[in-house]
Amino acid sequence: MGQFSYQGAAVRTGEINVFGRWAPSHPKLKNLTVFAMAGPGWSYKNSNKTPILVDGHSQLSHSLSGEFIAEYRFKLF
């Protein structure tokens, strides 16, 4: 989470995520790891990266994001 001031108005941005990691116990999949993450976020509405103020207050823009990573470690040596 972050905050800065623009023309005297507090402008906030941030996100909250839930994440998990799974590593299978099967011997054939022992080098596999799966990561997943998702959560809501918020930033400020802007015009050319400049915050938009209405009555001296910044306007929020909500988002929802997710990420999925599958990692497999190969034995090269």
Protein backbone atom coordinates (compact mmCIF):
# COMPACT_ATOMS: atom_id res chain seq x y z
CA MET A 1 0.00 0.00 0.00
CA GLY A 2 1.21 3.46 -0.76
CA GLN A 3 0.13 7.04 -0.44
CA PHE A 4 1.29 10.38 -1.77
CA SER A 5 -0.04 13.91 -1.78
CA TYR A 6 -1.16 15.68 -4.96
CA GLN A 7 -2.36 19.28 -4.69
CA GLY A 8 -3.09 18.70 -1.00
CA ALA A 9 -5.17 15.55 -1.56
CA ALA A 10 -4.12 12.13 -0.28
CA VAL A 11 -3.80 9.70 -3.19
CA ARG A 12 -3.77 6.02 -2.21
CA THR A 13 -2.89 2.86 -4.08
CA GLY A 14 -2.48 -0.74 -2.97
CA GLU A 15 -3.54 -4.35 -3.15
CA ILE A 16 -4.31 -7.29 -0.87
CA ASN A 17 -3.48 -10.80 -2.07
CA VAL A 18 -4.06 -14.36 -0.96
CA PHE A 19 -1.50 -16.82 -2.20
CA GLY A 20 -0.75 -20.51 -2.00
CA ARG A 21 1.97 -22.97 -2.93
CA TRP A 22 1.50 -26.63 -3.79
CA ALA A 23 4.21 -29.27 -4.28
CA PRO A 24 2.89 -32.74 -5.21
CA SER A 25 4.14 -35.70 -3.17
CA HIS A 26 4.13 -38.16 -6.09
CA PRO A 27 7.74 -39.18 -6.95
CA LYS A 28 7.29 -38.47 -10.68
CA LEU A 29 6.23 -34.89 -9.91
CA LYS A 30 8.75 -34.16 -7.15
CA ASN A 31 10.34 -31.28 -9.11
CA LEU A 32 7.02 -29.50 -9.75
CA THR A 33 5.83 -26.53 -7.70
CA VAL A 34 2.65 -24.55 -8.36
CA PHE A 35 2.02 -21.04 -7.04
CA ALA A 36 -1.29 -19.15 -7.24
CA MET A 37 -2.19 -15.65 -6.10
CA ALA A 38 -5.34 -13.51 -6.37
CA GLY A 39 -6.84 -10.46 -4.76
CA PRO A 40 -8.39 -7.02 -5.05
CA GLY A 41 -6.48 -3.80 -5.61
CA TRP A 42 -7.11 -0.12 -5.95
CA SER A 43 -5.40 2.82 -7.53
CA TYR A 44 -6.33 6.36 -8.47
CA LYS A 45 -8.19 7.43 -11.58
CA ASN A 46 -5.83 9.43 -13.76
CA SER A 47 -5.36 11.35 -16.96
CA ASN A 48 -1.86 10.85 -18.43
CA LYS A 49 -0.67 9.52 -15.02
CA THR A 50 -1.95 12.65 -13.25
CA PRO A 51 -4.55 12.02 -10.50
CA ILE A 52 -8.09 13.22 -11.23
CA LEU A 53 -9.50 15.25 -8.33
CA VAL A 54 -13.20 15.88 -7.71
CA ASP A 55 -14.01 18.45 -5.02
CA GLY A 56 -10.39 18.17 -3.82
CA HIS A 57 -10.47 14.37 -3.40
CA SER A 58 -8.82 11.69 -5.52
CA GLN A 59 -11.05 9.13 -7.20
CA LEU A 60 -10.47 5.40 -6.70
CA SER A 61 -10.29 2.78 -9.42
CA HIS A 62 -10.78 -0.83 -8.27
CA SER A 63 -9.18 -3.92 -9.81
CA LEU A 64 -8.99 -7.67 -9.36
CA SER A 65 -5.82 -9.56 -10.28
CA GLY A 66 -4.55 -13.10 -10.35
CA GLU A 67 -1.31 -14.89 -11.05
CA PHE A 68 -0.48 -18.54 -11.66
CA ILE A 69 3.06 -19.96 -11.86
CA ALA A 70 4.03 -23.55 -12.58
CA GLU A 71 7.71 -24.25 -11.96
CA TYR A 72 9.55 -27.43 -12.87
CA ARG A 73 13.19 -27.94 -11.91
CA PHE A 74 15.21 -29.99 -14.39
CA LYS A 75 18.33 -31.85 -13.28
CA LEU A 76 20.98 -30.69 -15.73
CA PHE A 77 24.08 -31.93 -13.92
